């Protein structure tokens, strides 16, 4: 009988949007506090003749640090990769990391993906990329995208931003 007396109070708290009772708000906040970093960038040049058949493969290790007490599973991790050099930003391509990466509470994980591009794809970027790869010039690789995560079946989306200086 006493429990019935508390029912209107619980309903009022739910309607008023009390964040303490809204687990989705707590999950979103925990997801916003994930830390993304480009741990390693491994470019590999595959020269061929004619030059249009040459390729650049860029391997990326994305570090994800989860400092919260919430366990996440990735649905989508990816975004556009850019090369910043000399005050300009040049798009390289879109990279997607494998789905299903489990991010345990208070842990750090690494996800690896590779972006393969031909000389024809990168005709304008070939020289700047080669300068960074051969360490003649400095540049910053920047990843701008989105992380879609799953918490107990609830989808949560957060921005994914990471960068790494290279070539110096």
C-alpha atoms as a PDB file:
ATOM      1  CA  UNK A   1       0.000   0.000   0.000  1.00  0.00           C
ATOM      2  CA  UNK A   2       2.830   2.381   0.863  1.00  0.00           C
ATOM      3  CA  UNK A   3       4.482   1.653  -2.522  1.00  0.00           C
ATOM      4  CA  UNK A   4       1.358   2.940  -4.257  1.00  0.00           C
ATOM      5  CA  UNK A   5       1.793   6.234  -2.433  1.00  0.00           C
ATOM      6  CA  UNK A   6       5.280   6.630  -3.967  1.00  0.00           C
ATOM      7  CA  UNK A   7       4.045   5.957  -7.506  1.00  0.00           C
ATOM      8  CA  UNK A   8       3.002   9.601  -8.188  1.00  0.00           C
ATOM      9  CA  UNK A   9       6.380  10.824  -6.932  1.00  0.00           C
ATOM     10  CA  UNK A  10       8.252   8.456  -9.259  1.00  0.00           C
ATOM     11  CA  UNK A  11       6.042   9.502 -12.173  1.00  0.00           C
ATOM     12  CA  UNK A  12       6.651  13.176 -11.424  1.00  0.00           C
ATOM     13  CA  UNK A  13      10.436  12.620 -11.341  1.00  0.00           C
ATOM     14  CA  UNK A  14      10.334  10.822 -14.699  1.00  0.00           C
ATOM     15  CA  UNK A  15       8.249  13.562 -16.312  1.00  0.00           C
ATOM     16  CA  UNK A  16      10.437  16.323 -14.904  1.00  0.00           C
ATOM     17  CA  UNK A  17      13.498  14.844 -16.628  1.00  0.00           C
ATOM     18  CA  UNK A  18      15.576  14.050 -13.582  1.00  0.00           C
ATOM     19  CA  UNK A  19      18.975  13.122 -14.988  1.00  0.00           C
ATOM     20  CA  UNK A  20      19.801  10.930 -12.004  1.00  0.00           C
ATOM     21  CA  UNK A  21      16.980   8.579 -13.031  1.00  0.00           C
ATOM     22  CA  UNK A  22      17.695   8.734 -16.811  1.00  0.00           C
ATOM     23  CA  UNK A  23      20.281   6.070 -17.686  1.00  0.00           C
ATOM     24  CA  UNK A  24      20.429   7.188 -21.342  1.00  0.00           C
ATOM     25  CA  UNK A  25      21.649  10.652 -20.266  1.00  0.00           C
ATOM     26  CA  UNK A  26      24.289   8.979 -18.100  1.00  0.00           C
ATOM     27  CA  UNK A  27      25.377   6.767 -21.045  1.00  0.00           C
ATOM     28  CA  UNK A  28      25.607   9.757 -23.388  1.00  0.00           C
ATOM     29  CA  UNK A  29      27.744  11.633 -20.897  1.00  0.00           C
ATOM     30  CA  UNK A  30      30.047   8.624 -20.482  1.00  0.00           C
ATOM     31  CA  UNK A  31      30.341   8.308 -24.288  1.00  0.00           C
ATOM     32  CA  UNK A  32      31.214  12.009 -24.631  1.00  0.00           C
ATOM     33  CA  UNK A  33      34.098  11.413 -22.238  1.00  0.00           C
ATOM     34  CA  UNK A  34      35.713   8.725 -24.412  1.00  0.00           C
ATOM     35  CA  UNK A  35      39.188   9.767 -25.523  1.00  0.00           C
ATOM     36  CA  UNK A  36      40.176   9.004 -29.139  1.00  0.00           C
ATOM     37  CA  UNK A  37      43.776   9.204 -30.364  1.00  0.00           C
ATOM     38  CA  UNK A  38      45.685   8.216 -33.478  1.00  0.00           C
ATOM     39  CA  UNK A  39      48.298   5.936 -31.938  1.00  0.00           C
ATOM     40  CA  UNK A  40      50.175   4.933 -35.061  1.00  0.00           C
ATOM     41  CA  UNK A  41      50.158   5.829 -38.740  1.00  0.00           C
ATOM     42  CA  UNK A  42      51.961   3.393 -41.027  1.00  0.00           C
ATOM     43  CA  UNK A  43      52.140   4.549 -44.629  1.00  0.00           C
ATOM     44  CA  UNK A  44      53.413   2.157 -47.248  1.00  0.00           C
ATOM     45  CA  UNK A  45      54.189   3.095 -50.843  1.00  0.00           C
ATOM     46  CA  UNK A  46      53.791   0.497 -53.574  1.00  0.00           C
ATOM     47  CA  UNK A  47      55.411   1.911 -56.708  1.00  0.00           C
ATOM     48  CA  UNK A  48      54.371   0.492 -60.071  1.00  0.00           C
ATOM     49  CA  UNK A  49      54.699   1.343 -63.743  1.00  0.00           C
ATOM     50  CA  UNK A  50      52.886   3.142 -65.149  1.00  0.00           C
ATOM     51  CA  UNK A  51      52.739   5.507 -62.172  1.00  0.00           C
ATOM     52  CA  UNK A  52      48.904   5.480 -62.206  1.00  0.00           C
ATOM     53  CA  UNK A  53      49.074   1.916 -60.839  1.00  0.00           C
ATOM     54  CA  UNK A  54      51.115   2.966 -57.800  1.00  0.00           C
ATOM     55  CA  UNK A  55      49.361   2.813 -54.431  1.00  0.00           C
ATOM     56  CA  UNK A  56      49.691   4.225 -50.963  1.00  0.00           C
ATOM     57  CA  UNK A  57      48.390   2.161 -48.073  1.00  0.00           C
ATOM     58  CA  UNK A  58      47.884   4.032 -44.820  1.00  0.00           C
ATOM     59  CA  UNK A  59      47.476   1.846 -41.745  1.00  0.00           C
ATOM     60  CA  UNK A  60      45.925   3.574 -38.745  1.00  0.00           C
ATOM     61  CA  UNK A  61      45.758   2.486 -35.120  1.00  0.00           C
ATOM     62  CA  UNK A  62      42.948   4.277 -33.309  1.00  0.00           C
ATOM     63  CA  UNK A  63      43.270   4.303 -29.522  1.00  0.00           C
ATOM     64  CA  UNK A  64      40.041   4.541 -27.525  1.00  0.00           C
ATOM     65  CA  UNK A  65      40.200   5.194 -23.805  1.00  0.00           C
ATOM     66  CA  UNK A  66      37.072   4.566 -21.747  1.00  0.00           C
ATOM     67  CA  UNK A  67      37.470   6.142 -18.296  1.00  0.00           C
ATOM     68  CA  UNK A  68      33.848   5.550 -17.326  1.00  0.00           C
ATOM     69  CA  UNK A  69      32.131   2.662 -15.564  1.00  0.00           C
ATOM     70  CA  UNK A  70      30.004   1.991 -18.664  1.00  0.00           C
ATOM     71  CA  UNK A  71      30.760  -0.845 -21.115  1.00  0.00           C
ATOM     72  CA  UNK A  72      30.379   0.109 -24.790  1.00  0.00           C
ATOM     73  CA  UNK A  73      30.401  -1.890 -28.027  1.00  0.00           C
ATOM     74  CA  UNK A  74      31.196  -0.062 -31.267  1.00  0.00           C
ATOM     75  CA  UNK A  75      28.655  -0.135 -34.073  1.00  0.00           C
ATOM     76  CA  UNK A  76      30.396   2.392 -36.324  1.00  0.00           C
ATOM     77  CA  UNK A  77      33.849   3.973 -35.981  1.00  0.00           C
ATOM     78  CA  UNK A  78      35.187   6.056 -38.824  1.00  0.00           C
ATOM     79  CA  UNK A  79      35.464   9.330 -40.594  1.00  0.00           C
ATOM     80  CA  UNK A  80      37.352  11.470 -43.054  1.00  0.00           C
ATOM     81  CA  UNK A  81      41.121  11.459 -42.946  1.00  0.00           C
ATOM     82  CA  UNK A  82      42.853  14.773 -43.745  1.00  0.00           C
ATOM     83  CA  UNK A  83      46.464  15.854 -44.109  1.00  0.00           C
ATOM     84  CA  UNK A  84      47.192  19.290 -42.656  1.00  0.00           C
ATOM     85  CA  UNK A  85      50.349  20.865 -43.978  1.00  0.00           C
ATOM     86  CA  UNK A  86      51.505  24.431 -44.407  1.00  0.00           C
ATOM     87  CA  UNK A  87      48.264  25.946 -43.149  1.00  0.00           C
ATOM     88  CA  UNK A  88      45.998  23.969 -45.494  1.00  0.00           C
ATOM     89  CA  UNK A  89      43.913  20.859 -44.974  1.00  0.00           C
ATOM     90  CA  UNK A  90      43.643  18.286 -47.757  1.00  0.00           C
ATOM     91  CA  UNK A  91      41.133  15.417 -47.696  1.00  0.00           C
ATOM     92  CA  UNK A  92      42.700  11.997 -48.204  1.00  0.00           C
ATOM     93  CA  UNK A  93      39.726   9.647 -47.924  1.00  0.00           C
ATOM     94  CA  UNK A  94      37.188   7.964 -45.675  1.00  0.00           C
ATOM     95  CA  UNK A  95      38.292   5.223 -43.294  1.00  0.00           C
ATOM     96  CA  UNK A  96      36.120   2.806 -41.366  1.00  0.00           C
ATOM     97  CA  UNK A  97      37.264   0.713 -38.405  1.00  0.00           C
ATOM     98  CA  UNK A  98      35.921  -2.791 -37.669  1.00  0.00           C
ATOM     99  CA  UNK A  99      32.565  -3.065 -35.896  1.00  0.00           C
ATOM    100  CA  UNK A 100      31.995  -4.871 -32.629  1.00  0.00           C
ATOM    101  CA  UNK A 101      34.981  -3.598 -30.653  1.00  0.00           C
ATOM    102  CA  UNK A 102      34.221  -4.020 -26.956  1.00  0.00           C
ATOM    103  CA  UNK A 103      35.228  -1.122 -24.730  1.00  0.00           C
ATOM    104  CA  UNK A 104      35.187  -2.400 -21.183  1.00  0.00           C
ATOM    105  CA  UNK A 105      34.768   0.043 -18.336  1.00  0.00           C
ATOM    106  CA  UNK A 106      38.000   1.800 -17.325  1.00  0.00           C
ATOM    107  CA  UNK A 107      40.011   0.367 -20.206  1.00  0.00           C
ATOM    108  CA  UNK A 108      41.896   1.311 -23.337  1.00  0.00           C
ATOM    109  CA  UNK A 109      41.582  -0.519 -26.664  1.00  0.00           C
ATOM    110  CA  UNK A 110      43.118  -0.119 -30.107  1.00  0.00           C
ATOM    111  CA  UNK A 111      41.356  -0.644 -33.422  1.00  0.00           C
ATOM    112  CA  UNK A 112      43.279  -0.992 -36.680  1.00  0.00           C
ATOM    113  CA  UNK A 113      42.194  -0.163 -40.229  1.00  0.00           C
ATOM    114  CA  UNK A 114      43.838   0.473 -43.561  1.00  0.00           C
ATOM    115  CA  UNK A 115      43.102   2.978 -46.295  1.00  0.00           C
ATOM    116  CA  UNK A 116      44.394   2.064 -49.785  1.00  0.00           C
ATOM    117  CA  UNK A 117      44.573   4.768 -52.446  1.00  0.00           C
ATOM    118  CA  UNK A 118      45.926   4.813 -55.976  1.00  0.00           C
ATOM    119  CA  UNK A 119      48.018   7.516 -57.589  1.00  0.00           C
ATOM    120  CA  UNK A 120      44.967   8.408 -59.692  1.00  0.00           C
ATOM    121  CA  UNK A 121      42.934   8.932 -56.470  1.00  0.00           C
ATOM    122  CA  UNK A 122      45.628  11.177 -55.007  1.00  0.00           C
ATOM    123  CA  UNK A 123      47.196  12.893 -58.008  1.00  0.00           C
ATOM    124  CA  UNK A 124      47.158  16.304 -56.247  1.00  0.00           C
ATOM    125  CA  UNK A 125      48.157  14.888 -52.847  1.00  0.00           C
ATOM    126  CA  UNK A 126      50.909  12.552 -54.029  1.00  0.00           C
ATOM    127  CA  UNK A 127      53.810  14.967 -53.473  1.00  0.00           C
ATOM    128  CA  UNK A 128      52.710  16.211 -50.013  1.00  0.00           C
ATOM    129  CA  UNK A 129      52.021  12.643 -48.843  1.00  0.00           C
ATOM    130  CA  UNK A 130      55.359  11.412 -50.160  1.00  0.00           C
ATOM    131  CA  UNK A 131      57.086  14.303 -48.341  1.00  0.00           C
ATOM    132  CA  UNK A 132      55.495  13.241 -45.037  1.00  0.00           C
ATOM    133  CA  UNK A 133      56.079   9.518 -45.662  1.00  0.00           C
ATOM    134  CA  UNK A 134      59.751  10.044 -46.523  1.00  0.00           C
ATOM    135  CA  UNK A 135      60.104  12.432 -43.533  1.00  0.00           C
ATOM    136  CA  UNK A 136      61.238  15.373 -45.655  1.00  0.00           C
ATOM    137  CA  UNK A 137      58.277  17.476 -44.549  1.00  0.00           C
ATOM    138  CA  UNK A 138      56.064  17.591 -41.502  1.00  0.00           C
ATOM    139  CA  UNK A 139      52.311  17.210 -41.512  1.00  0.00           C
ATOM    140  CA  UNK A 140      49.412  16.337 -39.269  1.00  0.00           C
ATOM    141  CA  UNK A 141      46.977  13.549 -40.027  1.00  0.00           C
ATOM    142  CA  UNK A 142      43.505  14.397 -38.688  1.00  0.00           C
ATOM    143  CA  UNK A 143      40.524  12.077 -38.408  1.00  0.00           C
ATOM    144  CA  UNK A 144      37.078  13.686 -38.155  1.00  0.00           C
ATOM    145  CA  UNK A 145      34.107  11.387 -37.940  1.00  0.00           C
ATOM    146  CA  UNK A 146      31.588   9.692 -35.730  1.00  0.00           C
ATOM    147  CA  UNK A 147      31.493   6.874 -33.229  1.00  0.00           C
ATOM    148  CA  UNK A 148      28.220   5.035 -32.902  1.00  0.00           C
ATOM    149  CA  UNK A 149      28.216   2.916 -29.779  1.00  0.00           C
ATOM    150  CA  UNK A 150      25.862   0.443 -28.179  1.00  0.00           C
ATOM    151  CA  UNK A 151      25.048   0.330 -24.469  1.00  0.00           C
ATOM    152  CA  UNK A 152      22.589  -2.415 -23.514  1.00  0.00           C
ATOM    153  CA  UNK A 153      20.961  -2.104 -26.953  1.00  0.00           C
ATOM    154  CA  UNK A 154      20.746   1.692 -26.780  1.00  0.00           C
ATOM    155  CA  UNK A 155      22.547   3.466 -29.656  1.00  0.00           C
ATOM    156  CA  UNK A 156      24.699   6.460 -28.703  1.00  0.00           C
ATOM    157  CA  UNK A 157      26.489   8.723 -31.219  1.00  0.00           C
ATOM    158  CA  UNK A 158      29.452  10.947 -30.390  1.00  0.00           C
ATOM    159  CA  UNK A 159      31.981  12.868 -32.495  1.00  0.00           C
ATOM    160  CA  UNK A 160      35.242  11.076 -33.225  1.00  0.00           C
ATOM    161  CA  UNK A 161      38.225  13.426 -33.485  1.00  0.00           C
ATOM    162  CA  UNK A 162      41.877  12.493 -33.360  1.00  0.00           C
ATOM    163  CA  UNK A 163      45.143  13.729 -34.871  1.00  0.00           C
ATOM    164  CA  UNK A 164      48.815  12.834 -35.033  1.00  0.00           C
ATOM    165  CA  UNK A 165      51.868  14.782 -36.153  1.00  0.00           C
ATOM    166  CA  UNK A 166      54.087  12.923 -38.602  1.00  0.00           C
ATOM    167  CA  UNK A 167      57.097  13.319 -40.854  1.00  0.00           C
ATOM    168  CA  UNK A 168      59.330  15.577 -38.753  1.00  0.00           C
END
